[in-house]
Amino acid sequence: AVRDKFKGQDICILEGTGSLYWAGGMRFAWKEALKEHD
């Protein structure tokens, strides 16, 4: 739904484990963003 609705936007969708919960899911996305920290 996100891919279809926001095709023109810069969105990186990450596949979690299914058991990350809120804190784990936020860390998972944040770590990916850190790869472009600069």
Full PDB file with SEQRES, HELIX, SHEET, SSBOND, CRYST1, ORIGX, SCALE, CONECT and MASTER records, all heavy atoms in Angstrom:
SEQRES   1 A   38  ALA VAL ARG ASP LYS PHE LYS GLY GLN ASP ILE CYS ILE          
SEQRES   2 A   38  LEU GLU GLY THR GLY SER LEU TYR TRP ALA GLY GLY MET          
SEQRES   3 A   38  ARG PHE ALA TRP LYS GLU ALA LEU LYS GLU HIS ASP              
HELIX    1 AA1 VAL A    2  LYS A    5  1                                   4    
HELIX    2 AA2 TYR A   21  LEU A   34  1                                  14    
CRYST1    1.000    1.000    1.000  90.00  90.00  90.00 P 1           1          
ORIGX1      1.000000  0.000000  0.000000        0.00000                         
ORIGX2      0.000000  1.000000  0.000000        0.00000                         
ORIGX3      0.000000  0.000000  1.000000        0.00000                         
SCALE1      1.000000  0.000000  0.000000        0.00000                         
SCALE2      0.000000  1.000000  0.000000        0.00000                         
SCALE3      0.000000  0.000000  1.000000        0.00000                         
ATOM      1  N   ALA A   1       0.826  -1.204   0.000  1.00  0.00           N  
ATOM      2  CA  ALA A   1       0.000   0.000   0.000  1.00  0.00           C  
ATOM      3  C   ALA A   1       0.864   1.259   0.000  1.00  0.00           C  
ATOM      4  O   ALA A   1       0.577   2.234  -0.709  1.00  0.00           O  
ATOM      5  CB  ALA A   1      -0.932   0.005   1.208  1.00  0.00           C  
ATOM      6  N   VAL A   2       1.946   1.239   0.777  1.00  0.00           N  
ATOM      7  CA  VAL A   2       2.862   2.385   0.814  1.00  0.00           C  
ATOM      8  C   VAL A   2       3.543   2.567  -0.541  1.00  0.00           C  
ATOM      9  O   VAL A   2       3.655   3.684  -1.061  1.00  0.00           O  
ATOM     10  CB  VAL A   2       3.890   2.206   1.947  1.00  0.00           C  
ATOM     11  CG1 VAL A   2       5.000   3.257   1.834  1.00  0.00           C  
ATOM     12  CG2 VAL A   2       3.208   2.300   3.303  1.00  0.00           C  
ATOM     13  N   ARG A   3       4.006   1.472  -1.122  1.00  0.00           N  
ATOM     14  CA  ARG A   3       4.663   1.565  -2.436  1.00  0.00           C  
ATOM     15  C   ARG A   3       3.712   2.132  -3.488  1.00  0.00           C  
ATOM     16  O   ARG A   3       4.095   2.983  -4.303  1.00  0.00           O  
ATOM     17  CB  ARG A   3       5.150   0.186  -2.870  1.00  0.00           C  
ATOM     18  CG  ARG A   3       6.309  -0.357  -2.054  1.00  0.00           C  
ATOM     19  CD  ARG A   3       6.859  -1.630  -2.676  1.00  0.00           C  
ATOM     20  NE  ARG A   3       7.838  -2.267  -1.805  1.00  0.00           N  
ATOM     21  CZ  ARG A   3       7.562  -3.279  -0.984  1.00  0.00           C  
ATOM     22  NH1 ARG A   3       6.327  -3.782  -0.942  1.00  0.00           N  
ATOM     23  NH2 ARG A   3       8.511  -3.792  -0.218  1.00  0.00           N  
ATOM     24  N   ASP A   4       2.463   1.664  -3.491  1.00  0.00           N  
ATOM     25  CA  ASP A   4       1.500   2.114  -4.496  1.00  0.00           C  
ATOM     26  C   ASP A   4       1.101   3.569  -4.299  1.00  0.00           C  
ATOM     27  O   ASP A   4       0.956   4.322  -5.275  1.00  0.00           O  
ATOM     28  CB  ASP A   4       0.245   1.235  -4.437  1.00  0.00           C  
ATOM     29  CG  ASP A   4       0.495  -0.185  -4.911  1.00  0.00           C  
ATOM     30  OD1 ASP A   4       1.527  -0.413  -5.585  1.00  0.00           O  
ATOM     31  OD2 ASP A   4      -0.323  -1.067  -4.597  1.00  0.00           O  
ATOM     32  N   LYS A   5       0.934   3.965  -3.044  1.00  0.00           N  
ATOM     33  CA  LYS A   5       0.437   5.314  -2.745  1.00  0.00           C  
ATOM     34  C   LYS A   5       1.503   6.384  -2.933  1.00  0.00           C  
ATOM     35  O   LYS A   5       1.193   7.516  -3.327  1.00  0.00           O  
ATOM     36  CB  LYS A   5      -0.079   5.342  -1.304  1.00  0.00           C  
ATOM     37  CG  LYS A   5      -0.676   6.666  -0.857  1.00  0.00           C  
ATOM     38  CD  LYS A   5      -2.008   6.918  -1.505  1.00  0.00           C  
ATOM     39  CE  LYS A   5      -2.647   8.194  -0.987  1.00  0.00           C  
ATOM     40  NZ  LYS A   5      -3.971   8.447  -1.589  1.00  0.00           N  
ATOM     41  N   PHE A   6       2.767   6.041  -2.671  1.00  0.00           N  
ATOM     42  CA  PHE A   6       3.819   7.066  -2.635  1.00  0.00           C  
ATOM     43  C   PHE A   6       4.938   6.742  -3.625  1.00  0.00           C  
ATOM     44  O   PHE A   6       6.117   6.766  -3.272  1.00  0.00           O  
ATOM     45  CB  PHE A   6       4.363   7.195  -1.210  1.00  0.00           C  
ATOM     46  CG  PHE A   6       3.305   7.455  -0.180  1.00  0.00           C  
ATOM     47  CD1 PHE A   6       2.876   6.451   0.679  1.00  0.00           C  
ATOM     48  CD2 PHE A   6       2.709   8.704  -0.071  1.00  0.00           C  
ATOM     49  CE1 PHE A   6       1.896   6.679   1.634  1.00  0.00           C  
ATOM     50  CE2 PHE A   6       1.721   8.945   0.876  1.00  0.00           C  
ATOM     51  CZ  PHE A   6       1.309   7.931   1.723  1.00  0.00           C  
ATOM     52  N   LYS A   7       4.559   6.451  -4.857  1.00  0.00           N  
ATOM     53  CA  LYS A   7       5.533   6.023  -5.865  1.00  0.00           C  
ATOM     54  C   LYS A   7       6.603   7.067  -6.139  1.00  0.00           C  
ATOM     55  O   LYS A   7       7.739   6.731  -6.479  1.00  0.00           O  
ATOM     56  CB  LYS A   7       4.803   5.658  -7.153  1.00  0.00           C  
ATOM     57  CG  LYS A   7       3.973   4.392  -7.051  1.00  0.00           C  
ATOM     58  CD  LYS A   7       3.262   4.073  -8.364  1.00  0.00           C  
ATOM     59  CE  LYS A   7       2.454   2.794  -8.236  1.00  0.00           C  
ATOM     60  NZ  LYS A   7       1.704   2.486  -9.482  1.00  0.00           N  
ATOM     61  N   GLY A   8       6.265   8.331  -6.022  1.00  0.00           N  
ATOM     62  CA  GLY A   8       7.235   9.373  -6.335  1.00  0.00           C  
ATOM     63  C   GLY A   8       8.096   9.807  -5.170  1.00  0.00           C  
ATOM     64  O   GLY A   8       8.955  10.689  -5.323  1.00  0.00           O  
ATOM     65  N   GLN A   9       7.900   9.196  -4.009  1.00  0.00           N  
ATOM     66  CA  GLN A   9       8.620   9.619  -2.807  1.00  0.00           C  
ATOM     67  C   GLN A   9       9.816   8.709  -2.526  1.00  0.00           C  
ATOM     68  O   GLN A   9       9.864   7.569  -2.977  1.00  0.00           O  
ATOM     69  CB  GLN A   9       7.685   9.616  -1.601  1.00  0.00           C  
ATOM     70  CG  GLN A   9       6.460  10.501  -1.753  1.00  0.00           C  
ATOM     71  CD  GLN A   9       6.794  11.981  -1.818  1.00  0.00           C  
ATOM     72  OE1 GLN A   9       7.924  12.395  -1.558  1.00  0.00           O  
ATOM     73  NE2 GLN A   9       5.805  12.793  -2.148  1.00  0.00           N  
ATOM     74  N   ASP A  10      10.762   9.266  -1.775  1.00  0.00           N  
ATOM     75  CA  ASP A  10      11.983   8.523  -1.427  1.00  0.00           C  
ATOM     76  C   ASP A  10      11.715   7.730  -0.151  1.00  0.00           C  
ATOM     77  O   ASP A  10      11.837   8.246   0.957  1.00  0.00           O  
ATOM     78  CB  ASP A  10      13.132   9.515  -1.222  1.00  0.00           C  
ATOM     79  CG  ASP A  10      14.495   8.832  -1.210  1.00  0.00           C  
ATOM     80  OD1 ASP A  10      14.534   7.590  -1.321  1.00  0.00           O  
ATOM     81  OD2 ASP A  10      15.510   9.547  -1.080  1.00  0.00           O  
ATOM     82  N   ILE A  11      11.329   6.469  -0.330  1.00  0.00           N  
ATOM     83  CA  ILE A  11      10.965   5.620   0.803  1.00  0.00           C  
ATOM     84  C   ILE A  11      11.748   4.316   0.724  1.00  0.00           C  
ATOM     85  O   ILE A  11      11.731   3.641  -0.303  1.00  0.00           O  
ATOM     86  CB  ILE A  11       9.457   5.313   0.832  1.00  0.00           C  
ATOM     87  CG1 ILE A  11       8.647   6.604   0.938  1.00  0.00           C  
ATOM     88  CG2 ILE A  11       9.119   4.391   2.008  1.00  0.00           C  
ATOM     89  CD1 ILE A  11       7.139   6.395   0.947  1.00  0.00           C  
ATOM     90  N   CYS A  12      12.402   3.981   1.812  1.00  0.00           N  
ATOM     91  CA  CYS A  12      13.135   2.716   1.935  1.00  0.00           C  
ATOM     92  C   CYS A  12      12.336   1.822   2.887  1.00  0.00           C  
ATOM     93  O   CYS A  12      12.232   2.121   4.077  1.00  0.00           O  
ATOM     94  CB  CYS A  12      14.542   2.960   2.472  1.00  0.00           C  
ATOM     95  SG  CYS A  12      15.467   1.460   2.828  1.00  0.00           S  
ATOM     96  N   ILE A  13      11.746   0.750   2.346  1.00  0.00           N  
ATOM     97  CA  ILE A  13      10.964  -0.176   3.156  1.00  0.00           C  
ATOM     98  C   ILE A  13      11.834  -1.371   3.523  1.00  0.00           C  
ATOM     99  O   ILE A  13      12.389  -2.041   2.649  1.00  0.00           O  
ATOM    100  CB  ILE A  13       9.694  -0.634   2.423  1.00  0.00           C  
ATOM    101  CG1 ILE A  13       8.805   0.576   2.111  1.00  0.00           C  
ATOM    102  CG2 ILE A  13       8.928  -1.644   3.270  1.00  0.00           C  
ATOM    103  CD1 ILE A  13       7.552   0.239   1.323  1.00  0.00           C  
ATOM    104  N   LEU A  14      11.952  -1.620   4.808  1.00  0.00           N  
ATOM    105  CA  LEU A  14      12.825  -2.676   5.315  1.00  0.00           C  
ATOM    106  C   LEU A  14      11.991  -3.837   5.835  1.00  0.00           C  
ATOM    107  O   LEU A  14      10.966  -3.627   6.487  1.00  0.00           O  
ATOM    108  CB  LEU A  14      13.697  -2.126   6.446  1.00  0.00           C  
ATOM    109  CG  LEU A  14      14.511  -0.872   6.098  1.00  0.00           C  
ATOM    110  CD1 LEU A  14      14.992  -0.188   7.355  1.00  0.00           C  
ATOM    111  CD2 LEU A  14      15.669  -1.229   5.201  1.00  0.00           C  
ATOM    112  N   GLU A  15      12.430  -5.032   5.576  1.00  0.00           N  
ATOM    113  CA  GLU A  15      11.715  -6.215   6.025  1.00  0.00           C  
ATOM    114  C   GLU A  15      12.244  -6.649   7.387  1.00  0.00           C  
ATOM    115  O   GLU A  15      13.401  -7.070   7.513  1.00  0.00           O  
ATOM    116  CB  GLU A  15      11.874  -7.352   5.017  1.00  0.00           C  
ATOM    117  CG  GLU A  15      11.078  -8.597   5.362  1.00  0.00           C  
ATOM    118  CD  GLU A  15      11.206  -9.684   4.307  1.00  0.00           C  
ATOM    119  OE1 GLU A  15      11.665  -9.368   3.188  1.00  0.00           O  
ATOM    120  OE2 GLU A  15      10.856 -10.833   4.609  1.00  0.00           O  
ATOM    121  N   GLY A  16      11.390  -6.540   8.408  1.00  0.00           N  
ATOM    122  CA  GLY A  16      11.785  -6.943   9.746  1.00  0.00           C  
ATOM    123  C   GLY A  16      11.650  -8.434   9.957  1.00  0.00           C  
ATOM    124  O   GLY A  16      11.249  -9.185   9.056  1.00  0.00           O  
ATOM    125  N   THR A  17      11.943  -8.865  11.151  1.00  0.00           N  
ATOM    126  CA  THR A  17      11.905 -10.291  11.482  1.00  0.00           C  
ATOM    127  C   THR A  17      10.510 -10.763  11.863  1.00  0.00           C  
ATOM    128  O   THR A  17      10.254 -11.960  11.941  1.00  0.00           O  
ATOM    129  CB  THR A  17      12.851 -10.589  12.650  1.00  0.00           C  
ATOM    130  OG1 THR A  17      12.381  -9.883  13.816  1.00  0.00           O  
ATOM    131  CG2 THR A  17      14.273 -10.157  12.330  1.00  0.00           C  
ATOM    132  N   GLY A  18       9.620  -9.815  12.146  1.00  0.00           N  
ATOM    133  CA  GLY A  18       8.300 -10.161  12.658  1.00  0.00           C  
ATOM    134  C   GLY A  18       8.233 -10.158  14.171  1.00  0.00           C  
ATOM    135  O   GLY A  18       7.159 -10.338  14.745  1.00  0.00           O  
ATOM    136  N   SER A  19       9.356  -9.941  14.824  1.00  0.00           N  
ATOM    137  CA  SER A  19       9.375  -9.924  16.294  1.00  0.00           C  
ATOM    138  C   SER A  19      10.255  -8.794  16.825  1.00  0.00           C  
ATOM    139  O   SER A  19      10.884  -8.924  17.864  1.00  0.00           O  
ATOM    140  CB  SER A  19       9.869 -11.267  16.836  1.00  0.00           C  
ATOM    141  OG  SER A  19      11.164 -11.569  16.330  1.00  0.00           O  
ATOM    142  N   LEU A  20      10.296  -7.701  16.091  1.00  0.00           N  
ATOM    143  CA  LEU A  20      11.116  -6.552  16.511  1.00  0.00           C  
ATOM    144  C   LEU A  20      10.391  -5.663  17.510  1.00  0.00           C  
ATOM    145  O   LEU A  20      11.023  -4.986  18.308  1.00  0.00           O  
ATOM    146  CB  LEU A  20      11.530  -5.723  15.295  1.00  0.00           C  
ATOM    147  CG  LEU A  20      12.513  -6.382  14.329  1.00  0.00           C  
ATOM    148  CD1 LEU A  20      12.733  -5.487  13.105  1.00  0.00           C  
ATOM    149  CD2 LEU A  20      13.842  -6.671  15.022  1.00  0.00           C  
ATOM    150  N   TYR A  21       9.071  -5.618  17.419  1.00  0.00           N  
ATOM    151  CA  TYR A  21       8.255  -4.733  18.250  1.00  0.00           C  
ATOM    152  C   TYR A  21       8.678  -3.284  18.021  1.00  0.00           C  
ATOM    153  O   TYR A  21       9.409  -2.982  17.081  1.00  0.00           O  
ATOM    154  CB  TYR A  21       8.299  -5.166  19.716  1.00  0.00           C  
ATOM    155  CG  TYR A  21       7.662  -6.522  19.890  1.00  0.00           C  
ATOM    156  CD1 TYR A  21       8.427  -7.695  19.812  1.00  0.00           C  
ATOM    157  CD2 TYR A  21       6.291  -6.649  20.086  1.00  0.00           C  
ATOM    158  CE1 TYR A  21       7.832  -8.941  19.937  1.00  0.00           C  
ATOM    159  CE2 TYR A  21       5.692  -7.894  20.209  1.00  0.00           C  
ATOM    160  CZ  TYR A  21       6.462  -9.043  20.134  1.00  0.00           C  
ATOM    161  OH  TYR A  21       5.881 -10.272  20.230  1.00  0.00           O  
ATOM    162  N   TRP A  22       8.171  -2.345  18.873  1.00  0.00           N  
ATOM    163  CA  TRP A  22       8.361  -0.939  18.532  1.00  0.00           C  
ATOM    164  C   TRP A  22       9.827  -0.509  18.633  1.00  0.00           C  
ATOM    165  O   TRP A  22      10.391   0.033  17.677  1.00  0.00           O  
ATOM    166  CB  TRP A  22       7.493  -0.042  19.420  1.00  0.00           C  
ATOM    167  CG  TRP A  22       7.651   1.404  19.045  1.00  0.00           C  
ATOM    168  CD1 TRP A  22       7.087   2.046  17.983  1.00  0.00           C  
ATOM    169  CD2 TRP A  22       8.474   2.374  19.702  1.00  0.00           C  
ATOM    170  NE1 TRP A  22       7.501   3.356  17.925  1.00  0.00           N  
ATOM    171  CE2 TRP A  22       8.352   3.585  18.977  1.00  0.00           C  
ATOM    172  CE3 TRP A  22       9.293   2.333  20.824  1.00  0.00           C  
ATOM    173  CZ2 TRP A  22       9.025   4.745  19.354  1.00  0.00           C  
ATOM    174  CZ3 TRP A  22       9.965   3.494  21.203  1.00  0.00           C  
ATOM    175  CH2 TRP A  22       9.823   4.685  20.475  1.00  0.00           C  
ATOM    176  N   ALA A  23      10.453  -0.719  19.766  1.00  0.00           N  
ATOM    177  CA  ALA A  23      11.835  -0.254  19.941  1.00  0.00           C  
ATOM    178  C   ALA A  23      12.770  -0.922  18.940  1.00  0.00           C  
ATOM    179  O   ALA A  23      13.635  -0.271  18.338  1.00  0.00           O  
ATOM    180  CB  ALA A  23      12.304  -0.509  21.374  1.00  0.00           C  
ATOM    181  N   GLY A  24      12.591  -2.226  18.748  1.00  0.00           N  
ATOM    182  CA  GLY A  24      13.438  -2.936  17.807  1.00  0.00           C  
ATOM    183  C   GLY A  24      13.216  -2.494  16.378  1.00  0.00           C  
ATOM    184  O   GLY A  24      14.169  -2.355  15.601  1.00  0.00           O  
ATOM    185  N   GLY A  25      11.965  -2.264  16.013  1.00  0.00           N  
ATOM    186  CA  GLY A  25      11.668  -1.806  14.660  1.00  0.00           C  
ATOM    187  C   GLY A  25      12.227  -0.426  14.386  1.00  0.00           C  
ATOM    188  O   GLY A  25      12.724  -0.145  13.285  1.00  0.00           O  
ATOM    189  N   MET A  26      12.139   0.466  15.373  1.00  0.00           N  
ATOM    190  CA  MET A  26      12.701   1.807  15.201  1.00  0.00           C  
ATOM    191  C   MET A  26      14.221   1.749  15.094  1.00  0.00           C  
ATOM    192  O   MET A  26      14.824   2.448  14.254  1.00  0.00           O  
ATOM    193  CB  MET A  26      12.283   2.694  16.373  1.00  0.00           C  
ATOM    194  CG  MET A  26      10.790   2.994  16.434  1.00  0.00           C  
ATOM    195  SD  MET A  26      10.177   3.943  15.021  1.00  0.00           S  
ATOM    196  CE  MET A  26      10.713   5.601  15.472  1.00  0.00           C  
ATOM    197  N   ARG A  27      14.866   0.939  15.910  1.00  0.00           N  
ATOM    198  CA  ARG A  27      16.335   0.779  15.798  1.00  0.00           C  
ATOM    199  C   ARG A  27      16.724   0.244  14.435  1.00  0.00           C  
ATOM    200  O   ARG A  27      17.708   0.688  13.834  1.00  0.00           O  
ATOM    201  CB  ARG A  27      16.853  -0.179  16.882  1.00  0.00           C  
ATOM    202  CG  ARG A  27      17.168   0.429  18.204  1.00  0.00           C  
ATOM    203  CD  ARG A  27      18.012  -0.499  19.069  1.00  0.00           C  
ATOM    204  NE  ARG A  27      17.453  -1.831  19.164  1.00  0.00           N  
ATOM    205  CZ  ARG A  27      16.588  -2.228  20.089  1.00  0.00           C  
ATOM    206  NH1 ARG A  27      16.174  -1.379  21.007  1.00  0.00           N  
ATOM    207  NH2 ARG A  27      16.134  -3.465  20.098  1.00  0.00           N  
ATOM    208  N   PHE A  28      15.969  -0.739  13.944  1.00  0.00           N  
ATOM    209  CA  PHE A  28      16.263  -1.373  12.662  1.00  0.00           C  
ATOM    210  C   PHE A  28      16.250  -0.340  11.529  1.00  0.00           C  
ATOM    211  O   PHE A  28      17.159  -0.297  10.694  1.00  0.00           O  
ATOM    212  CB  PHE A  28      15.233  -2.479  12.404  1.00  0.00           C  
ATOM    213  CG  PHE A  28      15.569  -3.401  11.275  1.00  0.00           C  
ATOM    214  CD1 PHE A  28      16.659  -4.244  11.350  1.00  0.00           C  
ATOM    215  CD2 PHE A  28      14.772  -3.448  10.140  1.00  0.00           C  
ATOM    216  CE1 PHE A  28      16.966  -5.115  10.310  1.00  0.00           C  
ATOM    217  CE2 PHE A  28      15.059  -4.307   9.096  1.00  0.00           C  
ATOM    218  CZ  PHE A  28      16.156  -5.145   9.178  1.00  0.00           C  
ATOM    219  N   ALA A  29      15.216   0.509  11.507  1.00  0.00           N  
ATOM    220  CA  ALA A  29      15.132   1.557  10.486  1.00  0.00           C  
ATOM    221  C   ALA A  29      16.205   2.618  10.689  1.00  0.00           C  
ATOM    222  O   ALA A  29      16.806   3.113   9.730  1.00  0.00           O  
ATOM    223  CB  ALA A  29      13.739   2.190  10.520  1.00  0.00           C  
ATOM    224  N   TRP A  30      16.461   2.969  11.944  1.00  0.00           N  
ATOM    225  CA  TRP A  30      17.452   4.014  12.252  1.00  0.00           C  
ATOM    226  C   TRP A  30      18.849   3.560  11.830  1.00  0.00           C  
ATOM    227  O   TRP A  30      19.636   4.349  11.289  1.00  0.00           O  
ATOM    228  CB  TRP A  30      17.398   4.327  13.745  1.00  0.00           C  
ATOM    229  CG  TRP A  30      17.863   5.706  14.114  1.00  0.00           C  
ATOM    230  CD1 TRP A  30      18.628   6.548  13.372  1.00  0.00           C  
ATOM    231  CD2 TRP A  30      17.572   6.401  15.344  1.00  0.00           C  
ATOM    232  NE1 TRP A  30      18.848   7.724  14.050  1.00  0.00           N  
ATOM    233  CE2 TRP A  30      18.212   7.666  15.256  1.00  0.00           C  
ATOM    234  CE3 TRP A  30      16.864   6.073  16.490  1.00  0.00           C  
ATOM    235  CZ2 TRP A  30      18.150   8.598  16.291  1.00  0.00           C  
ATOM    236  CZ3 TRP A  30      16.795   7.010  17.520  1.00  0.00           C  
ATOM    237  CH2 TRP A  30      17.424   8.254  17.421  1.00  0.00           C  
ATOM    238  N   LYS A  31      19.161   2.295  12.068  1.00  0.00           N  
ATOM    239  CA  LYS A  31      20.471   1.782  11.667  1.00  0.00           C  
ATOM    240  C   LYS A  31      20.653   1.866  10.152  1.00  0.00           C  
ATOM    241  O   LYS A  31      21.760   2.154   9.660  1.00  0.00           O  
ATOM    242  CB  LYS A  31      20.647   0.337  12.130  1.00  0.00           C  
ATOM    243  CG  LYS A  31      20.881   0.186  13.624  1.00  0.00           C  
ATOM    244  CD  LYS A  31      20.998  -1.283  14.015  1.00  0.00           C  
ATOM    245  CE  LYS A  31      21.226  -1.448  15.504  1.00  0.00           C  
ATOM    246  NZ  LYS A  31      21.308  -2.879  15.904  1.00  0.00           N  
ATOM    247  N   GLU A  32      19.588   1.616   9.422  1.00  0.00           N  
ATOM    248  CA  GLU A  32      19.677   1.736   7.962  1.00  0.00           C  
ATOM    249  C   GLU A  32      19.919   3.183   7.558  1.00  0.00           C  
ATOM    250  O   GLU A  32      20.732   3.464   6.672  1.00  0.00           O  
ATOM    251  CB  GLU A  32      18.388   1.215   7.321  1.00  0.00           C  
ATOM    252  CG  GLU A  32      18.414   1.150   5.806  1.00  0.00           C  
ATOM    253  CD  GLU A  32      19.392   0.125   5.242  1.00  0.00           C  
ATOM    254  OE1 GLU A  32      19.749  -0.833   5.961  1.00  0.00           O  
ATOM    255  OE2 GLU A  32      19.812   0.286   4.074  1.00  0.00           O  
ATOM    256  N   ALA A  33      19.231   4.109   8.210  1.00  0.00           N  
ATOM    257  CA  ALA A  33      19.436   5.530   7.917  1.00  0.00           C  
ATOM    258  C   ALA A  33      20.854   5.975   8.259  1.00  0.00           C  
ATOM    259  O   ALA A  33      21.415   6.858   7.596  1.00  0.00           O  
ATOM    260  CB  ALA A  33      18.416   6.371   8.679  1.00  0.00           C  
ATOM    261  N   LEU A  34      21.451   5.358   9.275  1.00  0.00           N  
ATOM    262  CA  LEU A  34      22.812   5.722   9.674  1.00  0.00           C  
ATOM    263  C   LEU A  34      23.840   5.423   8.579  1.00  0.00           C  
ATOM    264  O   LEU A  34      24.932   6.011   8.578  1.00  0.00           O  
ATOM    265  CB  LEU A  34      23.211   4.977  10.951  1.00  0.00           C  
ATOM    266  CG  LEU A  34      22.618   5.466  12.265  1.00  0.00           C  
ATOM    267  CD1 LEU A  34      23.053   4.574  13.412  1.00  0.00           C  
ATOM    268  CD2 LEU A  34      22.991   6.915  12.547  1.00  0.00           C  
ATOM    269  N   LYS A  35      23.503   4.538   7.662  1.00  0.00           N  
ATOM    270  CA  LYS A  35      24.422   4.247   6.563  1.00  0.00           C  
ATOM    271  C   LYS A  35      24.625   5.466   5.674  1.00  0.00           C  
ATOM    272  O   LYS A  35      25.603   5.535   4.936  1.00  0.00           O  
ATOM    273  CB  LYS A  35      23.900   3.071   5.734  1.00  0.00           C  
ATOM    274  CG  LYS A  35      23.859   1.751   6.503  1.00  0.00           C  
ATOM    275  CD  LYS A  35      23.253   0.636   5.665  1.00  0.00           C  
ATOM    276  CE  LYS A  35      23.174  -0.673   6.447  1.00  0.00           C  
ATOM    277  NZ  LYS A  35      22.547  -1.764   5.653  1.00  0.00           N  
ATOM    278  N   GLU A  36      23.699   6.418   5.748  1.00  0.00           N  
ATOM    279  CA  GLU A  36      23.803   7.681   5.001  1.00  0.00           C  
ATOM    280  C   GLU A  36      23.898   8.860   5.974  1.00  0.00           C  
ATOM    281  O   GLU A  36      23.432   9.958   5.669  1.00  0.00           O  
ATOM    282  CB  GLU A  36      22.590   7.847   4.086  1.00  0.00           C  
ATOM    283  CG  GLU A  36      22.349   6.704   3.126  1.00  0.00           C  
ATOM    284  CD  GLU A  36      21.025   6.848   2.385  1.00  0.00           C  
ATOM    285  OE1 GLU A  36      20.759   7.953   1.841  1.00  0.00           O  
ATOM    286  OE2 GLU A  36      20.244   5.884   2.372  1.00  0.00           O  
ATOM    287  N   HIS A  37      24.500   8.630   7.118  1.00  0.00           N  
ATOM    288  CA  HIS A  37      24.484   9.617   8.207  1.00  0.00           C  
ATOM    289  C   HIS A  37      24.951  11.001   7.769  1.00  0.00           C  
ATOM    290  O   HIS A  37      24.371  12.018   8.169  1.00  0.00           O  
ATOM    291  CB  HIS A  37      25.346   9.110   9.359  1.00  0.00           C  
ATOM    292  CG  HIS A  37      25.376  10.005  10.559  1.00  0.00           C  
ATOM    293  ND1 HIS A  37      24.238  10.353  11.259  1.00  0.00           N  
ATOM    294  CD2 HIS A  37      26.415  10.627  11.189  1.00  0.00           C  
ATOM    295  CE1 HIS A  37      24.573  11.154  12.265  1.00  0.00           C  
ATOM    296  NE2 HIS A  37      25.873  11.328  12.254  1.00  0.00           N  
ATOM    297  N   ASP A  38      25.978  11.057   6.952  1.00  0.00           N  
ATOM    298  CA  ASP A  38      26.502  12.356   6.529  1.00  0.00           C  
ATOM    299  C   ASP A  38      25.522  13.128   5.647  1.00  0.00           C  
ATOM    300  O   ASP A  38      25.715  14.325   5.407  1.00  0.00           O  
ATOM    301  CB  ASP A  38      27.823  12.172   5.780  1.00  0.00           C  
ATOM    302  CG  ASP A  38      28.961  11.748   6.700  1.00  0.00           C  
ATOM    303  OD1 ASP A  38      28.832  11.937   7.923  1.00  0.00           O  
ATOM    304  OD2 ASP A  38      29.965  11.211   6.203  1.00  0.00           O  
TER     305      ASP A  38                                                      
MASTER        0    0    0    2    0    0    0    6  304    1    0    3          
END                                                                             
